[in-house]
């Protein structure tokens, strides 16, 4: 899977939730390419999620919510995930 395919899947899964208004995905893999354990088949991504509901939740609960949605992708294609709620 390449980053474009992963991006489409992640955005669709997140936006399928009515409480999420918008999501932006940024590939940050290039920042980690020289790391010892870097795997070119796993990506480092940054998500900016616009959601009043998630922003009003505790940081732990809102992150858990997103991790549940992206469980399969995290296990298979995502090495690092940074989430910002706006």
N, C-alpha and C. Protein backbone atom coordinates (compact mmCIF):
# COMPACT_ATOMS: atom_id res chain seq x y z
N UNK A 1 0.86 -1.18 0.00
CA UNK A 1 0.00 0.00 0.00
C UNK A 1 0.90 1.24 0.00
N UNK A 2 0.52 2.22 -0.78
CA UNK A 2 1.28 3.47 -0.77
C UNK A 2 0.55 4.51 0.08
N UNK A 3 1.20 5.65 0.28
CA UNK A 3 0.65 6.68 1.16
C UNK A 3 -0.67 7.25 0.64
N UNK A 4 -0.84 7.32 -0.67
CA UNK A 4 -2.09 7.85 -1.23
C UNK A 4 -3.27 6.93 -0.94
N UNK A 5 -3.05 5.63 -1.07
CA UNK A 5 -4.11 4.67 -0.75
C UNK A 5 -4.44 4.73 0.73
N UNK A 6 -3.40 4.74 1.56
CA UNK A 6 -3.60 4.80 3.01
C UNK A 6 -4.34 6.07 3.40
N UNK A 7 -3.96 7.16 2.80
CA UNK A 7 -4.60 8.44 3.09
C UNK A 7 -6.10 8.40 2.80
N UNK A 8 -6.47 7.86 1.66
CA UNK A 8 -7.89 7.76 1.29
C UNK A 8 -8.66 6.88 2.27
N UNK A 9 -8.09 5.76 2.65
CA UNK A 9 -8.74 4.84 3.58
C UNK A 9 -8.92 5.51 4.94
N UNK A 10 -7.87 6.13 5.44
CA UNK A 10 -7.91 6.77 6.75
C UNK A 10 -8.95 7.90 6.76
N UNK A 11 -8.92 8.75 5.77
CA UNK A 11 -9.88 9.86 5.71
C UNK A 11 -11.31 9.35 5.65
N UNK A 12 -11.56 8.35 4.83
CA UNK A 12 -12.92 7.82 4.71
C UNK A 12 -13.41 7.23 6.03
N UNK A 13 -12.57 6.44 6.68
CA UNK A 13 -12.97 5.81 7.94
C UNK A 13 -13.26 6.86 9.02
N UNK A 14 -12.44 7.88 9.07
CA UNK A 14 -12.63 8.91 10.09
C UNK A 14 -13.87 9.75 9.78
N UNK A 15 -14.03 10.13 8.53
CA UNK A 15 -15.16 10.99 8.16
C UNK A 15 -16.50 10.26 8.16
N UNK A 16 -16.48 8.94 8.22
CA UNK A 16 -17.73 8.18 8.33
C UNK A 16 -18.41 8.41 9.68
N UNK A 17 -17.69 8.99 10.62
CA UNK A 17 -18.24 9.30 11.94
C UNK A 17 -18.85 10.69 11.91
N UNK A 18 -20.08 10.78 12.30
CA UNK A 18 -20.83 12.04 12.22
C UNK A 18 -20.27 13.14 13.10
N UNK A 19 -19.52 12.77 14.12
CA UNK A 19 -19.00 13.79 15.04
C UNK A 19 -17.74 14.47 14.50
N UNK A 20 -17.21 13.97 13.39
CA UNK A 20 -15.98 14.54 12.83
C UNK A 20 -16.34 15.39 11.62
N UNK A 21 -15.95 16.64 11.66
CA UNK A 21 -16.29 17.59 10.61
C UNK A 21 -15.31 17.58 9.45
N UNK A 22 -14.01 17.42 9.78
CA UNK A 22 -12.99 17.45 8.74
C UNK A 22 -11.74 16.73 9.24
N UNK A 23 -10.95 16.23 8.28
CA UNK A 23 -9.67 15.61 8.63
C UNK A 23 -8.65 15.94 7.56
N UNK A 24 -7.45 16.27 8.01
CA UNK A 24 -6.32 16.50 7.11
C UNK A 24 -5.24 15.51 7.49
N UNK A 25 -4.61 14.92 6.48
CA UNK A 25 -3.56 13.95 6.72
C UNK A 25 -2.27 14.44 6.09
N UNK A 26 -1.19 14.34 6.86
CA UNK A 26 0.12 14.77 6.37
C UNK A 26 1.10 13.63 6.56
N UNK A 27 1.83 13.28 5.50
CA UNK A 27 2.83 12.22 5.57
C UNK A 27 4.12 12.80 6.14
N UNK A 28 4.55 12.26 7.28
CA UNK A 28 5.78 12.71 7.94
C UNK A 28 6.88 11.64 7.87
N UNK A 29 6.71 10.65 7.03
CA UNK A 29 7.65 9.53 6.95
C UNK A 29 9.07 9.98 6.61
N UNK A 30 9.20 10.99 5.80
CA UNK A 30 10.52 11.46 5.38
C UNK A 30 11.38 11.89 6.57
N UNK A 31 10.77 12.30 7.66
CA UNK A 31 11.51 12.73 8.83
C UNK A 31 12.16 11.56 9.57
N UNK A 32 11.74 10.36 9.24
CA UNK A 32 12.18 9.18 9.99
C UNK A 32 12.95 8.18 9.14
N UNK A 33 13.23 8.51 7.89
CA UNK A 33 13.82 7.53 6.99
C UNK A 33 15.21 7.06 7.41
N UNK A 34 15.94 7.83 8.20
CA UNK A 34 17.27 7.42 8.64
C UNK A 34 17.27 6.74 10.01
N UNK A 35 16.12 6.53 10.58
CA UNK A 35 16.05 5.85 11.87
C UNK A 35 16.39 4.38 11.70
N UNK A 36 16.98 3.83 12.69
CA UNK A 36 17.46 2.44 12.64
C UNK A 36 16.35 1.44 12.32
N UNK A 37 15.21 1.59 12.94
CA UNK A 37 14.11 0.64 12.76
C UNK A 37 13.07 1.08 11.73
N UNK A 38 13.44 2.00 10.88
CA UNK A 38 12.48 2.48 9.88
C UNK A 38 12.10 1.37 8.91
N UNK A 39 10.81 1.25 8.67
CA UNK A 39 10.27 0.28 7.71
C UNK A 39 9.60 1.07 6.60
N UNK A 40 10.09 0.96 5.35
CA UNK A 40 9.50 1.74 4.26
C UNK A 40 8.05 1.38 3.94
N UNK A 41 7.56 0.29 4.48
CA UNK A 41 6.18 -0.13 4.25
C UNK A 41 5.22 0.37 5.33
N UNK A 42 5.77 1.08 6.32
CA UNK A 42 4.94 1.66 7.38
C UNK A 42 5.18 3.16 7.40
N UNK A 43 4.12 3.90 7.65
CA UNK A 43 4.16 5.34 7.51
C UNK A 43 4.05 6.07 8.84
N UNK A 44 4.58 7.27 8.84
CA UNK A 44 4.47 8.20 9.96
C UNK A 44 3.50 9.28 9.49
N UNK A 45 2.36 9.36 10.13
CA UNK A 45 1.37 10.33 9.67
C UNK A 45 0.92 11.26 10.79
N UNK A 46 0.51 12.44 10.35
CA UNK A 46 -0.04 13.45 11.26
C UNK A 46 -1.47 13.72 10.82
N UNK A 47 -2.39 13.66 11.77
CA UNK A 47 -3.79 13.94 11.49
C UNK A 47 -4.22 15.21 12.20
N UNK A 48 -4.92 16.07 11.47
CA UNK A 48 -5.59 17.23 12.07
C UNK A 48 -7.08 16.96 11.92
N UNK A 49 -7.72 16.80 13.05
CA UNK A 49 -9.13 16.42 13.06
C UNK A 49 -9.96 17.55 13.66
N UNK A 50 -10.95 17.98 12.89
CA UNK A 50 -11.86 19.02 13.39
C UNK A 50 -13.12 18.33 13.91
N UNK A 51 -13.31 18.45 15.22
CA UNK A 51 -14.48 17.84 15.86
C UNK A 51 -14.69 18.51 17.22
N UNK A 52 -15.80 19.15 17.38
CA UNK A 52 -16.11 19.77 18.67
C UNK A 52 -16.23 18.71 19.75
N UNK A 53 -16.86 17.60 19.40
CA UNK A 53 -17.06 16.52 20.38
C UNK A 53 -15.73 15.96 20.87
N UNK A 54 -14.84 15.64 19.94
CA UNK A 54 -13.56 15.06 20.35
C UNK A 54 -12.68 16.07 21.06
N UNK A 55 -12.76 17.31 20.66
CA UNK A 55 -11.96 18.36 21.31
C UNK A 55 -12.40 18.55 22.77
N UNK A 56 -13.67 18.32 23.05
CA UNK A 56 -14.18 18.48 24.41
C UNK A 56 -13.98 17.24 25.28
N UNK A 57 -13.55 16.15 24.68
CA UNK A 57 -13.25 14.93 25.44
C UNK A 57 -11.84 15.04 26.01
N UNK A 58 -11.53 14.15 26.94
CA UNK A 58 -10.15 14.11 27.43
C UNK A 58 -9.25 13.66 26.29
N UNK A 59 -8.01 14.04 26.36
CA UNK A 59 -7.04 13.68 25.31
C UNK A 59 -6.96 12.16 25.14
N UNK A 60 -6.96 11.45 26.25
CA UNK A 60 -6.86 9.99 26.20
C UNK A 60 -8.08 9.39 25.51
N UNK A 61 -9.26 9.83 25.87
CA UNK A 61 -10.48 9.29 25.28
C UNK A 61 -10.60 9.61 23.79
N UNK A 62 -10.25 10.83 23.41
CA UNK A 62 -10.34 11.18 22.00
C UNK A 62 -9.32 10.39 21.16
N UNK A 63 -8.12 10.18 21.70
CA UNK A 63 -7.13 9.37 21.00
C UNK A 63 -7.58 7.92 20.89
N UNK A 64 -8.15 7.39 21.95
CA UNK A 64 -8.66 6.01 21.92
C UNK A 64 -9.73 5.85 20.85
N UNK A 65 -10.57 6.85 20.72
CA UNK A 65 -11.63 6.83 19.73
C UNK A 65 -11.05 6.68 18.32
N UNK A 66 -10.03 7.47 18.00
CA UNK A 66 -9.38 7.41 16.69
C UNK A 66 -8.61 6.10 16.52
N UNK A 67 -7.95 5.65 17.56
CA UNK A 67 -7.22 4.39 17.48
C UNK A 67 -8.15 3.21 17.21
N UNK A 68 -9.33 3.23 17.77
CA UNK A 68 -10.30 2.16 17.49
C UNK A 68 -10.72 2.18 16.02
N UNK A 69 -10.93 3.35 15.48
CA UNK A 69 -11.33 3.49 14.09
C UNK A 69 -10.24 2.97 13.15
N UNK A 70 -9.00 3.26 13.49
CA UNK A 70 -7.87 2.94 12.60
C UNK A 70 -7.09 1.70 13.05
N UNK A 71 -7.71 0.85 13.82
CA UNK A 71 -7.02 -0.32 14.38
C UNK A 71 -6.28 -1.14 13.32
N UNK A 72 -6.95 -1.51 12.27
CA UNK A 72 -6.34 -2.34 11.22
C UNK A 72 -5.16 -1.62 10.55
N UNK A 73 -5.35 -0.35 10.24
CA UNK A 73 -4.30 0.42 9.57
C UNK A 73 -3.08 0.61 10.48
N UNK A 74 -3.32 0.82 11.75
CA UNK A 74 -2.22 0.98 12.70
C UNK A 74 -1.42 -0.32 12.80
N UNK A 75 -2.09 -1.42 12.84
CA UNK A 75 -1.40 -2.71 12.94
C UNK A 75 -0.61 -3.05 11.68
N UNK A 76 -1.08 -2.58 10.53
CA UNK A 76 -0.47 -3.01 9.27
C UNK A 76 0.38 -1.95 8.56
N UNK A 77 -0.02 -0.68 8.64
CA UNK A 77 0.60 0.32 7.77
C UNK A 77 1.11 1.59 8.45
N UNK A 78 0.75 1.78 9.71
CA UNK A 78 1.13 3.03 10.38
C UNK A 78 2.11 2.71 11.51
N UNK A 79 3.27 3.34 11.43
CA UNK A 79 4.27 3.16 12.48
C UNK A 79 4.11 4.22 13.57
N UNK A 80 3.79 5.42 13.14
CA UNK A 80 3.67 6.53 14.07
C UNK A 80 2.46 7.38 13.69
N UNK A 81 1.70 7.79 14.71
CA UNK A 81 0.49 8.55 14.47
C UNK A 81 0.44 9.74 15.44
N UNK A 82 0.44 10.93 14.87
CA UNK A 82 0.30 12.16 15.65
C UNK A 82 -1.09 12.71 15.37
N UNK A 83 -1.84 13.00 16.42
CA UNK A 83 -3.21 13.47 16.26
C UNK A 83 -3.39 14.82 16.92
N UNK A 84 -3.89 15.77 16.16
CA UNK A 84 -4.23 17.09 16.68
C UNK A 84 -5.73 17.31 16.52
N UNK A 85 -6.37 17.74 17.59
CA UNK A 85 -7.80 18.03 17.53
C UNK A 85 -7.99 19.54 17.51
N UNK A 86 -8.71 20.00 16.50
CA UNK A 86 -8.90 21.44 16.36
C UNK A 86 -10.39 21.78 16.34
